[in-house]
PDB file of N, CA and C in Angstrom:
ATOM      1  N   UNK A   1     -55.684  30.329  60.580  1.00  0.00           N
ATOM      2  CA  UNK A   1     -56.825  29.523  61.000  1.00  0.00           C
ATOM      3  C   UNK A   1     -57.821  30.435  61.698  1.00  0.00           C
ATOM      4  N   UNK A   2     -59.034  30.440  61.216  1.00  0.00           N
ATOM      5  CA  UNK A   2     -60.091  31.187  61.889  1.00  0.00           C
ATOM      6  C   UNK A   2     -60.767  30.269  62.904  1.00  0.00           C
ATOM      7  N   UNK A   3     -61.583  30.841  63.745  1.00  0.00           N
ATOM      8  CA  UNK A   3     -62.294  30.031  64.731  1.00  0.00           C
ATOM      9  C   UNK A   3     -63.770  29.943  64.405  1.00  0.00           C
ATOM     10  N   UNK A   4     -64.116  30.013  63.123  1.00  0.00           N
ATOM     11  CA  UNK A   4     -65.506  29.937  62.707  1.00  0.00           C
ATOM     12  C   UNK A   4     -65.809  28.698  61.892  1.00  0.00           C
ATOM     13  N   UNK A   5     -65.073  27.621  62.108  1.00  0.00           N
ATOM     14  CA  UNK A   5     -65.287  26.402  61.344  1.00  0.00           C
ATOM     15  C   UNK A   5     -66.624  25.770  61.720  1.00  0.00           C
ATOM     16  N   UNK A   6     -67.315  25.227  60.711  1.00  0.00           N
ATOM     17  CA  UNK A   6     -68.576  24.555  61.010  1.00  0.00           C
ATOM     18  C   UNK A   6     -68.356  23.257  61.786  1.00  0.00           C
ATOM     19  N   UNK A   7     -69.279  22.978  62.671  1.00  0.00           N
ATOM     20  CA  UNK A   7     -69.293  21.741  63.445  1.00  0.00           C
ATOM     21  C   UNK A   7     -70.563  20.995  63.071  1.00  0.00           C
ATOM     22  N   UNK A   8     -70.412  19.789  62.567  1.00  0.00           N
ATOM     23  CA  UNK A   8     -71.572  18.975  62.215  1.00  0.00           C
ATOM     24  C   UNK A   8     -71.503  17.676  62.996  1.00  0.00           C
ATOM     25  N   UNK A   9     -72.639  17.009  63.092  1.00  0.00           N
ATOM     26  CA  UNK A   9     -72.694  15.749  63.836  1.00  0.00           C
ATOM     27  C   UNK A   9     -73.819  14.889  63.299  1.00  0.00           C
ATOM     28  N   UNK A  10     -73.664  13.587  63.498  1.00  0.00           N
ATOM     29  CA  UNK A  10     -74.696  12.633  63.107  1.00  0.00           C
ATOM     30  C   UNK A  10     -75.750  12.531  64.201  1.00  0.00           C
ATOM     31  N   UNK A  11     -76.922  12.070  63.860  1.00  0.00           N
ATOM     32  CA  UNK A  11     -78.004  11.875  64.827  1.00  0.00           C
ATOM     33  C   UNK A  11     -77.585  10.883  65.915  1.00  0.00           C
ATOM     34  N   UNK A  12     -76.681   9.963  65.581  1.00  0.00           N
ATOM     35  CA  UNK A  12     -76.183   9.001  66.576  1.00  0.00           C
ATOM     36  C   UNK A  12     -75.500   9.698  67.746  1.00  0.00           C
ATOM     37  N   UNK A  13     -74.923  10.868  67.522  1.00  0.00           N
ATOM     38  CA  UNK A  13     -74.266  11.623  68.592  1.00  0.00           C
ATOM     39  C   UNK A  13     -75.304  12.057  69.623  1.00  0.00           C
ATOM     40  N   UNK A  14     -76.413  12.577  69.146  1.00  0.00           N
ATOM     41  CA  UNK A  14     -77.496  12.996  70.048  1.00  0.00           C
ATOM     42  C   UNK A  14     -78.006  11.797  70.837  1.00  0.00           C
ATOM     43  N   UNK A  15     -78.171  10.670  70.166  1.00  0.00           N
ATOM     44  CA  UNK A  15     -78.655   9.451  70.820  1.00  0.00           C
ATOM     45  C   UNK A  15     -77.689   8.976  71.904  1.00  0.00           C
ATOM     46  N   UNK A  16     -76.387   9.000  71.613  1.00  0.00           N
ATOM     47  CA  UNK A  16     -75.401   8.549  72.599  1.00  0.00           C
ATOM     48  C   UNK A  16     -75.368   9.477  73.809  1.00  0.00           C
ATOM     49  N   UNK A  17     -75.462  10.776  73.572  1.00  0.00           N
ATOM     50  CA  UNK A  17     -75.519  11.720  74.695  1.00  0.00           C
ATOM     51  C   UNK A  17     -76.740  11.422  75.556  1.00  0.00           C
ATOM     52  N   UNK A  18     -77.890  11.214  74.926  1.00  0.00           N
ATOM     53  CA  UNK A  18     -79.126  10.914  75.669  1.00  0.00           C
ATOM     54  C   UNK A  18     -78.980   9.621  76.468  1.00  0.00           C
ATOM     55  N   UNK A  19     -78.348   8.614  75.880  1.00  0.00           N
ATOM     56  CA  UNK A  19     -78.154   7.346  76.583  1.00  0.00           C
ATOM     57  C   UNK A  19     -77.245   7.509  77.801  1.00  0.00           C
ATOM     58  N   UNK A  20     -76.293   8.404  77.723  1.00  0.00           N
ATOM     59  CA  UNK A  20     -75.353   8.613  78.833  1.00  0.00           C
ATOM     60  C   UNK A  20     -75.943   9.479  79.941  1.00  0.00           C
ATOM     61  N   UNK A  21     -77.047  10.144  79.680  1.00  0.00           N
ATOM     62  CA  UNK A  21     -77.710  10.972  80.689  1.00  0.00           C
ATOM     63  C   UNK A  21     -78.715  10.113  81.435  1.00  0.00           C
ATOM     64  N   UNK A  22     -78.232   9.453  82.457  1.00  0.00           N
ATOM     65  CA  UNK A  22     -79.045   8.459  83.151  1.00  0.00           C
ATOM     66  C   UNK A  22     -79.723   8.979  84.409  1.00  0.00           C
ATOM     67  N   UNK A  23     -79.302  10.116  84.932  1.00  0.00           N
ATOM     68  CA  UNK A  23     -79.880  10.637  86.168  1.00  0.00           C
ATOM     69  C   UNK A  23     -80.750  11.849  85.859  1.00  0.00           C
ATOM     70  N   UNK A  24     -82.062  11.685  86.005  1.00  0.00           N
ATOM     71  CA  UNK A  24     -82.999  12.751  85.662  1.00  0.00           C
ATOM     72  C   UNK A  24     -82.821  13.989  86.531  1.00  0.00           C
ATOM     73  N   UNK A  25     -82.383  13.813  87.774  1.00  0.00           N
ATOM     74  CA  UNK A  25     -82.245  14.943  88.689  1.00  0.00           C
ATOM     75  C   UNK A  25     -81.185  15.931  88.232  1.00  0.00           C
ATOM     76  N   UNK A  26     -80.252  15.470  87.421  1.00  0.00           N
ATOM     77  CA  UNK A  26     -79.142  16.325  86.989  1.00  0.00           C
ATOM     78  C   UNK A  26     -79.521  17.286  85.881  1.00  0.00           C
ATOM     79  N   UNK A  27     -80.621  17.031  85.214  1.00  0.00           N
ATOM     80  CA  UNK A  27     -81.058  17.916  84.141  1.00  0.00           C
ATOM     81  C   UNK A  27     -79.994  18.080  83.072  1.00  0.00           C
ATOM     82  N   UNK A  28     -79.772  19.301  82.652  1.00  0.00           N
ATOM     83  CA  UNK A  28     -78.817  19.592  81.591  1.00  0.00           C
ATOM     84  C   UNK A  28     -77.363  19.521  82.025  1.00  0.00           C
ATOM     85  N   UNK A  29     -77.100  19.369  83.321  1.00  0.00           N
ATOM     86  CA  UNK A  29     -75.711  19.308  83.786  1.00  0.00           C
ATOM     87  C   UNK A  29     -74.974  18.098  83.235  1.00  0.00           C
ATOM     88  N   UNK A  30     -75.669  16.990  83.010  1.00  0.00           N
ATOM     89  CA  UNK A  30     -75.019  15.806  82.428  1.00  0.00           C
ATOM     90  C   UNK A  30     -74.613  16.089  80.981  1.00  0.00           C
ATOM     91  N   UNK A  31     -75.476  16.749  80.244  1.00  0.00           N
ATOM     92  CA  UNK A  31     -75.148  17.099  78.857  1.00  0.00           C
ATOM     93  C   UNK A  31     -73.947  18.035  78.845  1.00  0.00           C
ATOM     94  N   UNK A  32     -73.967  19.048  79.702  1.00  0.00           N
ATOM     95  CA  UNK A  32     -72.851  19.978  79.791  1.00  0.00           C
ATOM     96  C   UNK A  32     -71.562  19.244  80.142  1.00  0.00           C
ATOM     97  N   UNK A  33     -71.638  18.307  81.044  1.00  0.00           N
ATOM     98  CA  UNK A  33     -70.464  17.538  81.446  1.00  0.00           C
ATOM     99  C   UNK A  33     -69.897  16.723  80.285  1.00  0.00           C
ATOM    100  N   UNK A  34     -70.761  16.090  79.519  1.00  0.00           N
ATOM    101  CA  UNK A  34     -70.311  15.300  78.361  1.00  0.00           C
ATOM    102  C   UNK A  34     -69.619  16.212  77.346  1.00  0.00           C
ATOM    103  N   UNK A  35     -70.229  17.353  77.066  1.00  0.00           N
ATOM    104  CA  UNK A  35     -69.635  18.284  76.105  1.00  0.00           C
ATOM    105  C   UNK A  35     -68.307  18.843  76.618  1.00  0.00           C
ATOM    106  N   UNK A  36     -68.295  19.269  77.872  1.00  0.00           N
ATOM    107  CA  UNK A  36     -67.126  19.926  78.447  1.00  0.00           C
ATOM    108  C   UNK A  36     -65.977  18.970  78.732  1.00  0.00           C
ATOM    109  N   UNK A  37     -66.287  17.778  79.221  1.00  0.00           N
ATOM    110  CA  UNK A  37     -65.238  16.871  79.674  1.00  0.00           C
ATOM    111  C   UNK A  37     -64.866  15.780  78.677  1.00  0.00           C
ATOM    112  N   UNK A  38     -65.689  15.578  77.672  1.00  0.00           N
ATOM    113  CA  UNK A  38     -65.411  14.521  76.704  1.00  0.00           C
ATOM    114  C   UNK A  38     -65.128  15.091  75.315  1.00  0.00           C
ATOM    115  N   UNK A  39     -66.047  15.867  74.783  1.00  0.00           N
ATOM    116  CA  UNK A  39     -65.922  16.330  73.403  1.00  0.00           C
ATOM    117  C   UNK A  39     -64.948  17.495  73.244  1.00  0.00           C
ATOM    118  N   UNK A  40     -65.102  18.536  74.042  1.00  0.00           N
ATOM    119  CA  UNK A  40     -64.282  19.727  73.853  1.00  0.00           C
ATOM    120  C   UNK A  40     -62.781  19.481  74.025  1.00  0.00           C
ATOM    121  N   UNK A  41     -62.351  18.662  74.979  1.00  0.00           N
ATOM    122  CA  UNK A  41     -60.903  18.407  75.073  1.00  0.00           C
ATOM    123  C   UNK A  41     -60.327  17.765  73.808  1.00  0.00           C
ATOM    124  N   UNK A  42     -61.040  16.820  73.216  1.00  0.00           N
ATOM    125  CA  UNK A  42     -60.555  16.165  71.991  1.00  0.00           C
ATOM    126  C   UNK A  42     -60.476  17.160  70.839  1.00  0.00           C
ATOM    127  N   UNK A  43     -61.515  17.973  70.700  1.00  0.00           N
ATOM    128  CA  UNK A  43     -61.544  18.950  69.619  1.00  0.00           C
ATOM    129  C   UNK A  43     -60.453  20.006  69.833  1.00  0.00           C
ATOM    130  N   UNK A  44     -60.327  20.502  71.050  1.00  0.00           N
ATOM    131  CA  UNK A  44     -59.316  21.520  71.361  1.00  0.00           C
ATOM    132  C   UNK A  44     -57.919  21.003  71.116  1.00  0.00           C
ATOM    133  N   UNK A  45     -57.666  19.773  71.510  1.00  0.00           N
ATOM    134  CA  UNK A  45     -56.344  19.181  71.310  1.00  0.00           C
ATOM    135  C   UNK A  45     -55.972  19.149  69.826  1.00  0.00           C
ATOM    136  N   UNK A  46     -56.920  18.749  68.998  1.00  0.00           N
ATOM    137  CA  UNK A  46     -56.642  18.683  67.562  1.00  0.00           C
ATOM    138  C   UNK A  46     -56.420  20.085  66.984  1.00  0.00           C
ATOM    139  N   UNK A  47     -57.209  21.071  67.426  1.00  0.00           N
ATOM    140  CA  UNK A  47     -57.011  22.437  66.965  1.00  0.00           C
ATOM    141  C   UNK A  47     -55.615  22.928  67.335  1.00  0.00           C
ATOM    142  N   UNK A  48     -55.193  22.666  68.566  1.00  0.00           N
ATOM    143  CA  UNK A  48     -53.866  23.108  68.997  1.00  0.00           C
ATOM    144  C   UNK A  48     -52.759  22.435  68.209  1.00  0.00           C
ATOM    145  N   UNK A  49     -52.865  21.125  67.986  1.00  0.00           N
ATOM    146  CA  UNK A  49     -51.863  20.410  67.190  1.00  0.00           C
ATOM    147  C   UNK A  49     -51.777  20.990  65.784  1.00  0.00           C
ATOM    148  N   UNK A  50     -52.929  21.238  65.192  1.00  0.00           N
ATOM    149  CA  UNK A  50     -52.933  21.774  63.830  1.00  0.00           C
ATOM    150  C   UNK A  50     -52.353  23.188  63.787  1.00  0.00           C
ATOM    151  N   UNK A  51     -52.661  23.992  64.805  1.00  0.00           N
ATOM    152  CA  UNK A  51     -52.120  25.347  64.849  1.00  0.00           C
ATOM    153  C   UNK A  51     -50.591  25.309  64.947  1.00  0.00           C
ATOM    154  N   UNK A  52     -50.061  24.430  65.797  1.00  0.00           N
ATOM    155  CA  UNK A  52     -48.609  24.291  65.954  1.00  0.00           C
ATOM    156  C   UNK A  52     -47.965  23.879  64.641  1.00  0.00           C
ATOM    157  N   UNK A  53     -48.634  22.990  63.911  1.00  0.00           N
ATOM    158  CA  UNK A  53     -48.106  22.500  62.638  1.00  0.00           C
ATOM    159  C   UNK A  53     -48.390  23.447  61.471  1.00  0.00           C
ATOM    160  N   UNK A  54     -49.140  24.507  61.709  1.00  0.00           N
ATOM    161  CA  UNK A  54     -49.478  25.453  60.657  1.00  0.00           C
ATOM    162  C   UNK A  54     -50.529  24.934  59.687  1.00  0.00           C
ATOM    163  N   UNK A  55     -51.308  23.955  60.115  1.00  0.00           N
ATOM    164  CA  UNK A  55     -52.348  23.374  59.267  1.00  0.00           C
ATOM    165  C   UNK A  55     -53.710  23.963  59.632  1.00  0.00           C
ATOM    166  N   UNK A  56     -54.580  23.996  58.665  1.00  0.00           N
ATOM    167  CA  UNK A  56     -55.929  24.521  58.874  1.00  0.00           C
ATOM    168  C   UNK A  56     -56.932  23.403  59.138  1.00  0.00           C
ATOM    169  N   UNK A  57     -57.994  23.770  59.798  1.00  0.00           N
ATOM    170  CA  UNK A  57     -59.164  22.907  59.944  1.00  0.00           C
ATOM    171  C   UNK A  57     -60.320  23.659  59.306  1.00  0.00           C
ATOM    172  N   UNK A  58     -60.932  23.047  58.330  1.00  0.00           N
ATOM    173  CA  UNK A  58     -62.045  23.675  57.631  1.00  0.00           C
ATOM    174  C   UNK A  58     -63.392  23.274  58.227  1.00  0.00           C
ATOM    175  N   UNK A  59     -63.432  22.076  58.833  1.00  0.00           N
ATOM    176  CA  UNK A  59     -64.708  21.558  59.326  1.00  0.00           C
ATOM    177  C   UNK A  59     -64.424  20.478  60.360  1.00  0.00           C
ATOM    178  N   UNK A  60     -65.303  20.384  61.351  1.00  0.00           N
ATOM    179  CA  UNK A  60     -65.246  19.313  62.352  1.00  0.00           C
ATOM    180  C   UNK A  60     -66.554  18.542  62.269  1.00  0.00           C
ATOM    181  N   UNK A  61     -66.449  17.221  62.200  1.00  0.00           N
ATOM    182  CA  UNK A  61     -67.645  16.382  62.179  1.00  0.00           C
ATOM    183  C   UNK A  61     -67.519  15.344  63.289  1.00  0.00           C
ATOM    184  N   UNK A  62     -68.601  15.176  64.050  1.00  0.00           N
ATOM    185  CA  UNK A  62     -68.620  14.208  65.155  1.00  0.00           C
ATOM    186  C   UNK A  62     -69.600  13.110  64.783  1.00  0.00           C
ATOM    187  N   UNK A  63     -69.179  11.873  64.989  1.00  0.00           N
ATOM    188  CA  UNK A  63     -70.073  10.737  64.807  1.00  0.00           C
ATOM    189  C   UNK A  63     -69.805   9.722  65.904  1.00  0.00           C
ATOM    190  N   UNK A  64     -70.420   8.562  65.812  1.00  0.00           N
ATOM    191  CA  UNK A  64     -70.303   7.527  66.834  1.00  0.00           C
ATOM    192  C   UNK A  64     -69.851   6.232  66.182  1.00  0.00           C
ATOM    193  N   UNK A  65     -68.895   5.586  66.834  1.00  0.00           N
ATOM    194  CA  UNK A  65     -68.447   4.271  66.393  1.00  0.00           C
ATOM    195  C   UNK A  65     -68.175   3.443  67.643  1.00  0.00           C
ATOM    196  N   UNK A  66     -68.767   2.267  67.706  1.00  0.00           N
ATOM    197  CA  UNK A  66     -68.598   1.375  68.865  1.00  0.00           C
ATOM    198  C   UNK A  66     -68.915   2.086  70.181  1.00  0.00           C
ATOM    199  N   UNK A  67     -70.005   2.829  70.200  1.00  0.00           N
ATOM    200  CA  UNK A  67     -70.492   3.549  71.382  1.00  0.00           C
ATOM    201  C   UNK A  67     -69.517   4.594  71.916  1.00  0.00           C
ATOM    202  N   UNK A  68     -68.672   5.117  71.054  1.00  0.00           N
ATOM    203  CA  UNK A  68     -67.743   6.188  71.420  1.00  0.00           C
ATOM    204  C   UNK A  68     -67.839   7.302  70.382  1.00  0.00           C
ATOM    205  N   UNK A  69     -67.581   8.515  70.808  1.00  0.00           N
ATOM    206  CA  UNK A  69     -67.562   9.646  69.883  1.00  0.00           C
ATOM    207  C   UNK A  69     -66.296   9.562  69.039  1.00  0.00           C
ATOM    208  N   UNK A  70     -66.447   9.838  67.755  1.00  0.00           N
ATOM    209  CA  UNK A  70     -65.290   9.938  66.866  1.00  0.00           C
ATOM    210  C   UNK A  70     -65.348  11.285  66.160  1.00  0.00           C
ATOM    211  N   UNK A  71     -64.205  11.761  65.763  1.00  0.00           N
ATOM    212  CA  UNK A  71     -64.087  13.118  65.230  1.00  0.00           C
ATOM    213  C   UNK A  71     -63.346  13.079  63.898  1.00  0.00           C
ATOM    214  N   UNK A  72     -63.845  13.851  62.941  1.00  0.00           N
ATOM    215  CA  UNK A  72     -63.184  14.004  61.656  1.00  0.00           C
ATOM    216  C   UNK A  72     -62.876  15.486  61.486  1.00  0.00           C
ATOM    217  N   UNK A  73     -61.636  15.781  61.191  1.00  0.00           N
ATOM    218  CA  UNK A  73     -61.194  17.153  60.975  1.00  0.00           C
ATOM    219  C   UNK A  73     -60.755  17.287  59.531  1.00  0.00           C
ATOM    220  N   UNK A  74     -61.449  18.108  58.760  1.00  0.00           N
ATOM    221  CA  UNK A  74     -61.097  18.322  57.361  1.00  0.00           C
ATOM    222  C   UNK A  74     -60.442  19.675  57.193  1.00  0.00           C
TER     223      UNK A  74
END
C-alpha cells in the first residue's frame, strides 16, 4: 500500500464544513479542527484496518449524508 492515494470529495463536504464554522473569530482553526478531529481519524482508522488485513486502498472519497461526513474507500 502506498500513501499516495487520491482523495476526492463532493461540494457538499465544503458546504458542511462552512456550516460548522460558526465563530468568525476562530478563522481557519475551526476548519483545521474539523479535518484533524473528525475526518482524519476515520480515514486513518480505515487505512490501518486495511493494512492489517493486507488490503489496498486505491482511492478515498468523502461525501455528506444526513449532515454527516461519509467515506468510501475503493
